[in-house]
Amino acid sequence: MGEGLRPEHPVPRSLARLAEEFGFDTQGDLGEAEVEGVSLSSKGIEDGDLYVALQGRNAHGAAYAADAVAAGATGVLTDPAGAALIAGLEVPVLVTADPRAALGAVASFVYRTDSGLPQLYAVTGTNGKTSVVHLLDGVLQQLGILSALTSTAERRVGDVTLVSSLTTPEASDLHAMLARMKEAGVRAAAVEVSAQALSRHRVDGVVFDVAGFTNLSHDHLDDYGDLEEYFAAKLALFDPDRASRGVVLVDGEWGRRIADESRIPIATVALGDADADWHVEVTDESADRTAFTLHGPDGRTLSTSVPFFGAYMAANAALAIVMLVEGGIDLGEIDHVLTRDGGIDARIPGRIERLSGARGPAFYLDYGHTPDAFETTLKALRKVTPGRVVMVFGADGDRDRTKRADMGAIAAREADAVVITDFHPRSEDPATIRAALLQGARAARPEGELHEVPDPREAVRLAVRLAGEGDSILYAGPGHENYREVAGVKLPYSARSDARVALQEAGWEPAYAGPDEQ
């Protein structure tokens, strides 16, 4: 099965009708052939699937077409180069110049997701996307609305939850999941949308009811030449072909530009002094909760709290609330359920997730892996930490290398002690990655307390030894993930489990292990 959640009772579609609908060229006799699912992976094929064979980084998917047919595929969609590789295949072949660009529409046709969908909320931005998706889902559940979500951390429909491997699923998996939502009677769903998802057609065939924007900062410049190109990829969500309405945090320059250049109606939200329709006033901050008042048009207000530290989490929560209002939910109804429940009730896997108990240092795990995320989180953590702040982190291999020096510099400036370790070195030499982080840290704060510990398990234990009662530890990078990728091999590793064991070894009681603990 593919990464997504498929409908349990698919209704077959005629392959001949599919070819006619999209004007595809064909090879072989289509006859009475039918398809009832779509897969990009020959290993994820189920009986009756249409296998979509794309040109990959190292090989063409057509090379695996025979495997897909053996697994049950009843047809193949590919490009002319792929069609030439599989001439004579025993199932019909549909041919188009760019099958990836066609994938969203094809998946929508096969899964019948052109109508009857739940209300759809999309969230994009560099940092905070996952948090806003889970905050949206949390409030929807408090409202008694049957909801679903797909985020970097997980995909969920009803009682079924899967771990994610892409921030946004491929279009084939997304439409399969939407069809599953229709079956389950889901009324609203939150979808995390990356820049790559917009550039690579992963959300094609979907028009979101409300799109939200958090922020934009240095990231993914290995995929996009500069921040302008990265911004343009995000801006594409705020188009009538993609969304009906938008809500934008406008504290930064990029948010203000999204609001100005959007082609759909926009509501604006600000944490600071920026001109906006809605303003967030933080009224209280602690290590475990941030209280705020949301001031809206026509004198409307809502006072509540979010169960995480940091004013930026109040801004994320406000964005979620205003998105729901733009989606047609009454602010008074939201206020009622949040007052009833004592604030927003949400859990965000691997996002400023507290792993420590009441005694000892406060240990937080976070998925943040950009300079801006480091600075925002560390400054917020400093405000609620009586003692020292210790930070553990590494950097992704085979990803944007230009941000590494800034990551090291910000960690050194904002934390009292820094432990640099390995994260996902992938095909890179991990020592080279650490060296770039160390160089940035030393340049920013030559006298700072800086440690290099390649093994993340030993790095976590050093951080725990460096901290005591009243101190805080931030372990940034791994978040919800349950593996490390080293030299192309995924090795089992749970930062959550590792941190809890390290706390126990030091004589501190960790927090309760959640149901999704790996």
Protein backbone atom coordinates (compact mmCIF):
# COMPACT_ATOMS: atom_id res chain seq x y z
CA MET A 1 0.00 0.00 0.00
CA GLY A 2 1.17 3.54 -0.68
CA GLU A 3 1.88 6.09 1.99
CA GLY A 4 -1.69 7.39 2.01
CA LEU A 5 -5.02 6.13 3.28
CA ARG A 6 -7.16 4.67 0.50
CA PRO A 7 -10.93 4.34 0.22
CA GLU A 8 -12.14 1.03 1.59
CA HIS A 9 -14.79 0.64 -1.12
CA PRO A 10 -13.36 2.01 -4.38
CA VAL A 11 -15.56 2.19 -7.49
CA PRO A 12 -13.67 1.19 -10.67
CA ARG A 13 -13.15 3.58 -13.55
CA SER A 14 -12.88 2.59 -17.22
CA LEU A 15 -9.33 2.95 -18.52
CA ALA A 16 -10.69 3.78 -21.98
CA ARG A 17 -12.81 6.58 -20.52
CA LEU A 18 -9.81 7.90 -18.58
CA ALA A 19 -7.74 8.02 -21.78
CA GLU A 20 -10.54 9.76 -23.64
CA GLU A 21 -11.16 12.25 -20.79
CA PHE A 22 -7.55 13.45 -20.81
CA GLY A 23 -6.65 12.91 -24.45
CA PHE A 24 -3.86 10.43 -23.69
CA ASP A 25 -2.20 8.39 -26.40
CA THR A 26 -2.47 4.65 -25.84
CA GLN A 27 -0.51 1.45 -26.38
CA GLY A 28 -2.24 -1.92 -26.32
CA ASP A 29 -5.91 -2.86 -26.24
CA LEU A 30 -7.82 -0.97 -23.55
CA GLY A 31 -10.85 -3.23 -23.98
CA GLU A 32 -12.81 -3.46 -20.73
CA ALA A 33 -9.82 -2.67 -18.49
CA GLU A 34 -10.65 -0.78 -15.29
CA VAL A 35 -8.65 0.91 -12.55
CA GLU A 36 -9.67 1.68 -8.99
CA GLY A 37 -6.49 3.14 -7.51
CA VAL A 38 -3.35 5.07 -8.46
CA SER A 39 0.23 4.45 -7.32
CA LEU A 40 3.61 6.01 -8.08
CA SER A 41 5.44 3.09 -6.46
CA SER A 42 5.67 -0.38 -7.96
CA LYS A 43 6.05 -1.60 -4.36
CA GLY A 44 2.78 0.06 -3.33
CA ILE A 45 0.59 -1.48 -6.03
CA GLU A 46 -2.74 -2.99 -5.11
CA ASP A 47 -4.99 -5.04 -7.40
CA GLY A 48 -6.64 -2.81 -9.98
CA ASP A 49 -4.17 0.06 -9.72
CA LEU A 50 -2.98 2.41 -12.42
CA TYR A 51 0.81 2.47 -12.10
CA VAL A 52 2.26 5.92 -12.89
CA ALA A 53 5.83 5.54 -14.16
CA LEU A 54 7.83 8.78 -13.86
CA GLN A 55 11.39 9.69 -14.67
CA GLY A 56 13.24 9.51 -11.34
CA ARG A 57 16.55 10.90 -10.19
CA ASN A 58 18.41 7.65 -10.87
CA ALA A 59 16.06 5.58 -13.04
CA HIS A 60 12.80 5.73 -14.97
CA GLY A 61 9.79 4.25 -13.22
CA ALA A 62 9.00 2.33 -16.40
CA ALA A 63 11.86 0.01 -15.51
CA TYR A 64 9.61 -1.32 -12.72
CA ALA A 65 6.41 -1.57 -14.79
CA ALA A 66 6.62 -5.37 -15.07
CA ASP A 67 6.89 -5.60 -11.27
CA ALA A 68 3.83 -3.34 -10.96
CA VAL A 69 1.83 -5.54 -13.35
CA ALA A 70 2.89 -8.66 -11.46
CA ALA A 71 1.62 -7.00 -8.28
CA GLY A 72 -1.82 -6.32 -9.82
CA ALA A 73 -1.62 -3.12 -11.88
CA THR A 74 -4.15 -3.14 -14.73
CA GLY A 75 -2.66 -0.19 -16.60
CA VAL A 76 0.34 2.13 -16.78
CA LEU A 77 0.54 5.90 -17.28
CA THR A 78 3.92 7.21 -18.40
CA ASP A 79 5.76 9.59 -20.77
CA PRO A 80 7.02 8.77 -24.29
CA ALA A 81 10.44 7.69 -22.96
CA GLY A 82 8.77 5.34 -20.51
CA ALA A 83 6.40 4.01 -23.17
CA ALA A 84 9.38 3.09 -25.35
CA LEU A 85 10.87 1.11 -22.46
CA ILE A 86 7.72 -0.97 -21.93
CA ALA A 87 6.52 -1.61 -25.49
CA GLY A 88 4.70 -4.94 -25.54
CA LEU A 89 3.67 -4.84 -21.87
CA GLU A 90 0.67 -7.11 -21.28
CA VAL A 91 -1.50 -4.29 -19.88
CA PRO A 92 -2.61 -1.05 -21.64
CA VAL A 93 -0.26 1.92 -21.48
CA LEU A 94 -1.44 5.54 -21.45
CA VAL A 95 1.06 8.13 -22.67
CA THR A 96 1.34 11.86 -21.98
CA ALA A 97 4.22 14.32 -22.16
CA ASP A 98 4.22 15.12 -18.42
CA PRO A 99 2.51 12.46 -16.30
CA ARG A 100 3.43 14.20 -13.04
CA ALA A 101 1.56 17.33 -14.14
CA ALA A 102 -1.44 15.14 -15.04
CA LEU A 103 -1.34 13.09 -11.83
CA GLY A 104 -3.63 15.27 -9.71
CA ALA A 105 -6.41 15.38 -12.28
CA VAL A 106 -6.03 11.67 -13.03
CA ALA A 107 -6.14 10.75 -9.33
CA SER A 108 -9.19 12.97 -8.83
CA PHE A 109 -10.91 11.19 -11.75
CA VAL A 110 -10.05 7.70 -10.47
CA TYR A 111 -10.97 8.41 -6.84
CA ARG A 112 -13.99 10.64 -7.72
CA THR A 113 -12.82 13.54 -5.53
CA ASP A 114 -14.13 16.32 -7.76
CA SER A 115 -17.12 16.83 -5.43
CA GLY A 116 -18.49 15.99 -2.00
CA LEU A 117 -15.26 16.75 -0.16
CA PRO A 118 -15.01 17.95 3.44
CA GLN A 119 -14.09 21.55 4.12
CA LEU A 120 -10.36 21.79 3.42
CA TYR A 121 -7.84 23.99 5.23
CA ALA A 122 -4.31 24.34 3.80
CA VAL A 123 -1.33 25.71 5.73
CA THR A 124 1.97 26.81 4.18
CA GLY A 125 5.07 28.71 5.36
CA THR A 126 8.61 27.86 6.42
CA ASN A 127 8.01 27.27 10.13
CA GLY A 128 4.85 26.51 12.07
CA LYS A 129 2.91 24.65 9.36
CA THR A 130 2.67 21.40 11.32
CA SER A 131 1.70 23.24 14.49
CA VAL A 132 -1.13 25.14 12.79
CA VAL A 133 -2.46 21.96 11.15
CA HIS A 134 -2.64 20.19 14.53
CA LEU A 135 -4.09 23.27 16.25
CA LEU A 136 -6.79 23.45 13.57
CA ASP A 137 -7.54 19.78 14.10
CA GLY A 138 -7.60 20.20 17.88
CA VAL A 139 -10.14 23.03 17.79
CA LEU A 140 -12.27 21.20 15.20
CA GLN A 141 -12.45 18.22 17.53
CA GLN A 142 -13.36 20.47 20.45
CA LEU A 143 -16.18 21.81 18.28
CA GLY A 144 -17.41 18.26 17.80
CA ILE A 145 -16.58 18.24 14.08
CA LEU A 146 -15.30 14.96 12.66
CA SER A 147 -11.91 15.93 11.22
CA ALA A 148 -8.86 14.53 9.47
CA LEU A 149 -5.34 15.81 8.89
CA THR A 150 -2.15 15.29 6.97
CA SER A 151 1.06 16.88 8.27
CA THR A 152 4.79 16.29 8.29
CA ALA A 153 4.25 14.21 11.43
CA GLU A 154 1.28 12.02 10.52
CA ARG A 155 -1.75 11.32 8.36
CA ARG A 156 -5.05 10.55 10.07
CA VAL A 157 -8.60 9.72 9.02
CA GLY A 158 -10.90 8.56 11.79
CA ASP A 159 -9.13 6.05 14.01
CA VAL A 160 -6.45 5.24 11.42
CA THR A 161 -3.11 7.06 11.71
CA LEU A 162 0.01 6.61 9.58
CA VAL A 163 3.48 8.13 9.99
CA SER A 164 4.29 10.58 7.19
CA SER A 165 7.37 10.54 5.00
CA LEU A 166 6.59 13.65 2.96
CA THR A 167 5.33 16.98 4.29
CA THR A 168 2.56 16.81 1.69
CA PRO A 169 1.63 13.46 0.13
CA GLU A 170 1.92 12.88 -3.60
CA ALA A 171 -1.26 13.74 -5.49
CA SER A 172 -2.15 10.05 -5.86
CA ASP A 173 -2.02 9.55 -2.08
CA LEU A 174 -3.74 12.87 -1.32
CA HIS A 175 -6.75 12.09 -3.50
CA ALA A 176 -6.94 8.56 -2.12
CA MET A 177 -7.01 10.06 1.38
CA LEU A 178 -9.72 12.55 0.37
CA ALA A 179 -11.81 9.66 -0.95
CA ARG A 180 -11.32 7.86 2.38
CA MET A 181 -12.50 11.02 4.17
CA LYS A 182 -15.68 11.07 2.06
CA GLU A 183 -16.37 7.45 3.03
CA ALA A 184 -15.79 8.20 6.71
CA GLY A 185 -18.06 11.26 6.77
CA VAL A 186 -15.24 13.66 7.66
CA ARG A 187 -16.52 17.24 7.72
CA ALA A 188 -13.23 19.17 7.78
CA ALA A 189 -9.56 18.42 7.16
CA ALA A 190 -6.28 20.29 7.63
CA VAL A 191 -3.48 19.79 5.11
CA GLU A 192 0.15 20.89 5.46
CA VAL A 193 1.32 22.21 2.09
CA SER A 194 5.02 22.61 1.36
CA ALA A 195 6.57 24.77 -1.36
CA GLN A 196 7.73 21.57 -3.05
CA ALA A 197 4.15 20.26 -3.02
CA LEU A 198 3.03 23.31 -4.97
CA SER A 199 5.97 23.18 -7.38
CA ARG A 200 5.71 19.43 -7.94
CA HIS A 201 1.94 19.14 -8.48
CA ARG A 202 1.18 17.28 -5.22
CA VAL A 203 -1.96 19.33 -4.49
CA ASP A 204 -3.18 19.52 -8.07
CA GLY A 205 -6.88 18.80 -8.45
CA VAL A 206 -7.71 20.28 -5.03
CA VAL A 207 -9.18 23.71 -4.28
CA PHE A 208 -8.90 24.51 -0.57
CA ASP A 209 -11.62 26.43 1.20
CA VAL A 210 -9.12 28.41 3.30
CA ALA A 211 -5.34 28.72 2.92
CA GLY A 212 -3.12 29.97 5.76
CA PHE A 213 0.42 31.41 5.71
CA THR A 214 2.75 31.44 8.72
CA ASN A 215 6.09 32.95 7.67
CA LEU A 216 8.98 32.60 5.28
CA SER A 217 12.68 32.38 6.14
CA HIS A 218 15.93 30.80 4.96
CA ASP A 219 15.27 27.18 3.96
CA HIS A 220 15.16 24.91 0.90
CA LEU A 221 17.59 27.06 -1.09
CA ASP A 222 18.90 23.78 -2.47
CA ASP A 223 15.54 23.46 -4.27
CA TYR A 224 14.92 27.15 -4.94
CA GLY A 225 17.63 29.49 -6.19
CA ASP A 226 16.86 32.28 -3.74
CA LEU A 227 14.20 33.52 -1.35
CA GLU A 228 12.28 35.23 -4.17
CA GLU A 229 11.87 31.92 -5.98
CA TYR A 230 10.95 30.19 -2.72
CA PHE A 231 8.38 32.94 -2.01
CA ALA A 232 6.87 32.57 -5.49
CA ALA A 233 6.32 28.86 -4.83
CA LYS A 234 4.39 29.67 -1.62
CA LEU A 235 2.43 32.50 -3.23
CA ALA A 236 1.01 30.02 -5.76
CA LEU A 237 -1.32 28.68 -3.05
CA PHE A 238 -3.09 32.05 -2.86
CA ASP A 239 -4.66 31.77 -6.28
CA PRO A 240 -8.31 31.00 -7.16
CA ASP A 241 -7.22 27.73 -8.75
CA ARG A 242 -5.80 26.65 -5.39
CA ALA A 243 -7.90 28.25 -2.64
CA SER A 244 -11.04 30.33 -2.12
CA ARG A 245 -9.93 32.47 0.84
CA GLY A 246 -6.70 33.11 2.74
CA VAL A 247 -5.48 34.07 6.22
CA VAL A 248 -1.96 35.47 6.58
CA LEU A 249 0.33 36.30 9.49
CA VAL A 250 1.75 39.69 8.49
CA ASP A 251 4.38 40.38 11.15
CA GLY A 252 7.12 39.81 8.58
CA GLU A 253 7.84 41.26 5.14
CA TRP A 254 6.97 38.04 3.32
CA GLY A 255 3.56 37.77 4.98
CA ARG A 256 2.75 41.35 4.02
CA ARG A 257 3.74 40.54 0.44
CA ILE A 258 1.54 37.43 0.40
CA ALA A 259 -1.39 39.59 1.55
CA ASP A 260 -0.63 42.27 -1.06
CA GLU A 261 -0.01 39.92 -3.99
CA SER A 262 -2.68 37.32 -3.24
CA ARG A 263 -5.37 36.83 -5.90
CA ILE A 264 -7.98 35.67 -3.35
CA PRO A 265 -9.68 37.51 -0.45
CA ILE A 266 -7.31 37.74 2.54
CA ALA A 267 -7.78 38.23 6.29
CA THR A 268 -4.62 39.35 8.10
CA VAL A 269 -3.35 38.51 11.60
CA ALA A 270 -0.51 40.19 13.52
CA LEU A 271 1.27 39.41 16.77
CA GLY A 272 3.12 42.74 16.70
CA ASP A 273 2.18 46.26 15.66
CA ALA A 274 1.61 45.54 11.96
CA ASP A 275 -1.61 46.79 10.41
CA ALA A 276 -3.95 43.79 10.38
CA ASP A 277 -7.59 42.72 10.65
CA TRP A 278 -6.87 40.63 13.76
CA HIS A 279 -4.33 41.23 16.52
CA VAL A 280 -2.87 38.78 19.04
CA GLU A 281 -2.16 40.05 22.56
CA VAL A 282 -0.14 37.65 24.72
CA THR A 283 -1.37 37.97 28.30
CA ASP A 284 0.65 35.31 30.13
CA GLU A 285 3.55 32.96 29.38
CA SER A 286 4.77 29.89 31.25
CA ALA A 287 6.77 26.79 30.40
CA ASP A 288 3.62 24.81 29.66
CA ARG A 289 1.02 27.32 28.44
CA THR A 290 0.67 30.68 26.68
CA ALA A 291 -2.47 32.76 27.23
CA PHE A 292 -3.59 35.33 24.67
CA THR A 293 -6.49 37.51 23.55
CA LEU A 294 -7.44 37.69 19.90
CA HIS A 295 -8.87 41.07 18.90
CA GLY A 296 -10.88 41.06 15.66
CA PRO A 297 -12.98 43.34 13.49
CA ASP A 298 -16.12 44.95 14.91
CA GLY A 299 -14.80 44.68 18.45
CA ARG A 300 -14.93 40.88 18.51
CA THR A 301 -12.53 39.24 20.99
CA LEU A 302 -11.60 35.78 22.18
CA SER A 303 -9.40 35.02 25.19
CA THR A 304 -7.88 31.57 25.51
CA SER A 305 -4.57 29.72 25.81
CA VAL A 306 -2.46 27.20 23.94
CA PRO A 307 -0.62 24.39 25.79
CA PHE A 308 2.88 25.36 24.64
CA PHE A 309 5.42 28.02 25.55
CA GLY A 310 6.12 30.96 23.26
CA ALA A 311 4.27 33.94 21.82
CA TYR A 312 4.82 32.45 18.37
CA MET A 313 2.60 29.52 19.38
CA ALA A 314 -0.12 32.02 20.32
CA ALA A 315 0.26 33.48 16.80
CA ASN A 316 -0.02 29.99 15.29
CA ALA A 317 -3.17 29.34 17.34
CA ALA A 318 -4.64 32.68 16.30
CA LEU A 319 -3.99 31.85 12.66
CA ALA A 320 -5.84 28.56 13.11
CA ILE A 321 -8.80 30.25 14.80
CA VAL A 322 -9.14 32.94 12.13
CA MET A 323 -8.91 30.28 9.41
CA LEU A 324 -11.88 28.52 11.03
CA VAL A 325 -13.78 31.81 11.17
CA GLU A 326 -13.04 32.42 7.48
CA GLY A 327 -14.29 28.90 6.89
CA GLY A 328 -17.67 29.89 8.30
CA ILE A 329 -17.46 28.85 11.97
CA ASP A 330 -18.79 31.48 14.39
CA LEU A 331 -16.16 33.03 16.65
CA GLY A 332 -18.58 32.88 19.58
CA GLU A 333 -18.97 29.12 19.11
CA ILE A 334 -15.18 28.70 19.13
CA ASP A 335 -14.94 30.91 22.23
CA HIS A 336 -17.58 28.80 23.99
CA VAL A 337 -15.83 25.45 23.51
CA LEU A 338 -12.36 26.84 24.35
CA THR A 339 -13.72 28.42 27.55
CA ARG A 340 -15.48 25.17 28.41
CA ASP A 341 -12.26 23.17 27.93
CA GLY A 342 -9.88 25.63 29.59
CA GLY A 343 -8.11 26.52 26.34
CA ILE A 344 -7.05 24.84 23.13
CA ASP A 345 -6.62 21.08 23.53
CA ALA A 346 -4.03 19.94 21.00
CA ARG A 347 -0.98 17.72 20.80
CA ILE A 348 1.67 18.37 18.16
CA PRO A 349 4.01 15.37 17.69
CA GLY A 350 7.64 16.43 18.06
CA ARG A 351 6.94 20.16 18.23
CA ILE A 352 8.20 21.74 21.47
CA GLU A 353 7.10 18.45 23.02
CA ARG A 354 7.99 18.21 26.71
CA LEU A 355 9.58 14.87 27.58
CA SER A 356 10.53 15.61 31.18
CA GLY A 357 8.50 15.38 34.37
CA ALA A 358 7.97 17.89 37.17
CA ARG A 359 11.48 17.54 38.64
CA GLY A 360 14.81 18.27 37.04
CA PRO A 361 15.55 20.12 33.81
CA ALA A 362 12.72 20.76 31.38
CA PHE A 363 13.54 18.72 28.25
CA TYR A 364 11.86 19.73 24.97
CA LEU A 365 12.01 17.97 21.62
CA ASP A 366 11.40 20.05 18.49
CA TYR A 367 11.46 19.46 14.74
CA GLY A 368 12.84 22.96 14.07
CA HIS A 369 15.72 22.87 11.59
CA THR A 370 16.07 26.42 10.26
CA PRO A 371 17.90 29.47 11.63
CA ASP A 372 14.63 31.33 12.17
CA ALA A 373 13.07 28.37 14.03
CA PHE A 374 16.14 28.14 16.27
CA GLU A 375 16.04 31.84 17.14
CA THR A 376 12.29 32.01 17.75
CA THR A 377 12.21 28.89 19.93
CA LEU A 378 15.34 29.68 21.94
CA LYS A 379 14.20 33.23 22.72
CA ALA A 380 10.80 31.96 23.82
CA LEU A 381 12.40 29.24 25.93
CA ARG A 382 14.71 31.77 27.58
CA LYS A 383 11.69 33.76 28.79
CA VAL A 384 10.26 30.78 30.70
CA THR A 385 13.55 29.27 31.96
CA PRO A 386 14.84 30.39 35.38
CA GLY A 387 18.26 28.81 34.84
CA ARG A 388 20.43 27.83 31.90
CA VAL A 389 19.36 26.85 28.37
CA VAL A 390 21.20 23.91 26.81
CA MET A 391 20.73 23.10 23.11
CA VAL A 392 21.41 19.87 21.22
CA PHE A 393 21.20 19.82 17.43
CA GLY A 394 22.66 18.67 14.14
CA ALA A 395 21.89 19.42 10.49
CA ASP A 396 20.50 17.46 7.55
CA GLY A 397 22.94 16.07 5.04
CA ASP A 398 22.20 16.47 1.32
CA ARG A 399 20.04 19.49 2.10
CA ASP A 400 20.47 23.28 2.02
CA ARG A 401 24.07 23.79 3.19
CA THR A 402 23.91 27.58 3.15
CA LYS A 403 21.94 27.75 6.42
CA ARG A 404 24.34 25.70 8.57
CA ALA A 405 26.63 28.53 9.72
CA ASP A 406 23.59 30.61 10.73
CA MET A 407 22.15 27.65 12.67
CA GLY A 408 25.39 27.32 14.63
CA ALA A 409 25.65 31.07 15.22
CA ILE A 410 22.10 31.45 16.54
CA ALA A 411 22.46 28.44 18.84
CA ALA A 412 25.69 29.85 20.29
CA ARG A 413 24.21 33.31 20.83
CA GLU A 414 20.90 32.22 22.34
CA ALA A 415 21.83 29.14 24.43
CA ASP A 416 24.16 28.95 27.42
CA ALA A 417 25.64 25.64 26.28
CA VAL A 418 25.55 24.02 22.84
CA VAL A 419 26.04 20.35 21.95
CA ILE A 420 26.50 19.72 18.22
CA THR A 421 25.81 16.19 17.05
CA ASP A 422 24.87 14.17 13.96
CA PHE A 423 21.32 14.25 12.64
CA HIS A 424 20.63 12.80 9.15
CA PRO A 425 24.05 12.94 7.45
CA ARG A 426 22.63 10.88 4.55
CA SER A 427 25.41 10.62 1.92
CA GLU A 428 27.53 13.45 3.35
CA ASP A 429 30.49 13.08 5.67
CA PRO A 430 28.96 13.89 9.10
CA ALA A 431 32.21 15.48 10.28
CA THR A 432 31.92 18.04 7.48
CA ILE A 433 28.39 18.94 8.53
CA ARG A 434 29.42 19.35 12.17
CA ALA A 435 32.40 21.47 11.13
CA ALA A 436 30.12 23.98 9.37
CA LEU A 437 27.88 24.23 12.44
CA LEU A 438 30.88 24.59 14.75
CA GLN A 439 32.43 27.27 12.57
CA GLY A 440 29.26 29.34 12.71
CA ALA A 441 28.97 28.88 16.48
CA ARG A 442 32.59 29.80 17.21
CA ALA A 443 32.47 32.85 14.96
CA ALA A 444 29.37 34.14 16.74
CA ARG A 445 30.55 33.44 20.30
CA PRO A 446 34.21 32.41 20.61
CA GLU A 447 34.02 32.17 24.40
CA GLY A 448 30.78 30.17 24.43
CA GLU A 449 30.39 26.69 25.93
CA LEU A 450 30.49 24.44 22.88
CA HIS A 451 30.66 20.64 22.66
CA GLU A 452 31.00 18.33 19.66
CA VAL A 453 29.55 14.84 20.25
CA PRO A 454 28.95 12.84 17.04
CA ASP A 455 26.74 10.13 18.59
CA PRO A 456 23.30 11.67 19.29
CA ARG A 457 22.73 9.28 22.21
CA GLU A 458 25.89 10.51 23.92
CA ALA A 459 25.04 14.11 23.00
CA VAL A 460 21.66 13.83 24.76
CA ARG A 461 23.30 12.37 27.87
CA LEU A 462 25.87 15.17 27.96
CA ALA A 463 23.09 17.75 27.69
CA VAL A 464 21.28 16.14 30.64
CA ARG A 465 24.51 16.19 32.67
CA LEU A 466 24.99 19.88 31.86
CA ALA A 467 21.51 20.80 33.11
CA GLY A 468 19.83 20.72 36.48
CA GLU A 469 16.73 21.86 38.31
CA GLY A 470 15.38 25.06 36.74
CA ASP A 471 17.33 24.60 33.49
CA SER A 472 15.91 23.79 30.05
CA ILE A 473 17.18 21.52 27.27
CA LEU A 474 16.10 21.94 23.65
CA TYR A 475 16.81 19.02 21.31
CA ALA A 476 16.14 20.40 17.83
CA GLY A 477 15.87 18.49 14.58
CA PRO A 478 14.54 14.94 14.96
CA GLY A 479 11.09 15.79 16.30
CA HIS A 480 8.61 12.96 15.71
CA GLU A 481 10.93 10.91 13.47
CA ASN A 482 11.91 7.37 14.42
CA TYR A 483 15.08 6.89 12.36
CA ARG A 484 18.44 8.39 11.40
CA GLU A 485 19.65 8.23 7.82
CA VAL A 486 23.37 7.47 7.62
CA ALA A 487 25.13 6.66 4.32
CA GLY A 488 21.76 5.99 2.69
CA VAL A 489 20.59 3.57 5.39
CA LYS A 490 17.73 4.37 7.77
CA LEU A 491 18.76 3.30 11.27
CA PRO A 492 16.13 3.01 14.03
CA TYR A 493 16.36 5.98 16.40
CA SER A 494 13.72 7.67 18.52
CA ALA A 495 14.80 10.96 20.08
CA ARG A 496 11.78 10.70 22.36
CA SER A 497 12.76 7.34 23.78
CA ASP A 498 16.42 8.30 23.96
CA ALA A 499 15.70 11.48 25.92
CA ARG A 500 13.40 9.70 28.37
CA VAL A 501 15.99 7.00 29.03
CA ALA A 502 18.72 9.63 29.48
CA LEU A 503 16.57 11.49 32.02
CA GLN A 504 15.90 8.25 33.93
CA GLU A 505 19.61 7.37 33.94
CA ALA A 506 20.30 10.78 35.49
CA GLY A 507 17.72 10.18 38.22
CA TRP A 508 14.95 12.35 36.78
CA GLU A 509 11.41 11.13 36.10
CA PRO A 510 10.42 11.57 32.43
CA ALA A 511 6.97 12.54 31.24
CA TYR A 512 4.43 9.93 30.22
CA ALA A 513 5.21 8.29 26.89
CA GLY A 514 2.46 9.13 24.40
CA PRO A 515 0.55 6.58 22.33
CA ASP A 516 2.63 7.25 19.19
CA GLU A 517 5.98 6.72 20.95
CA GLN A 518 8.26 4.71 18.72
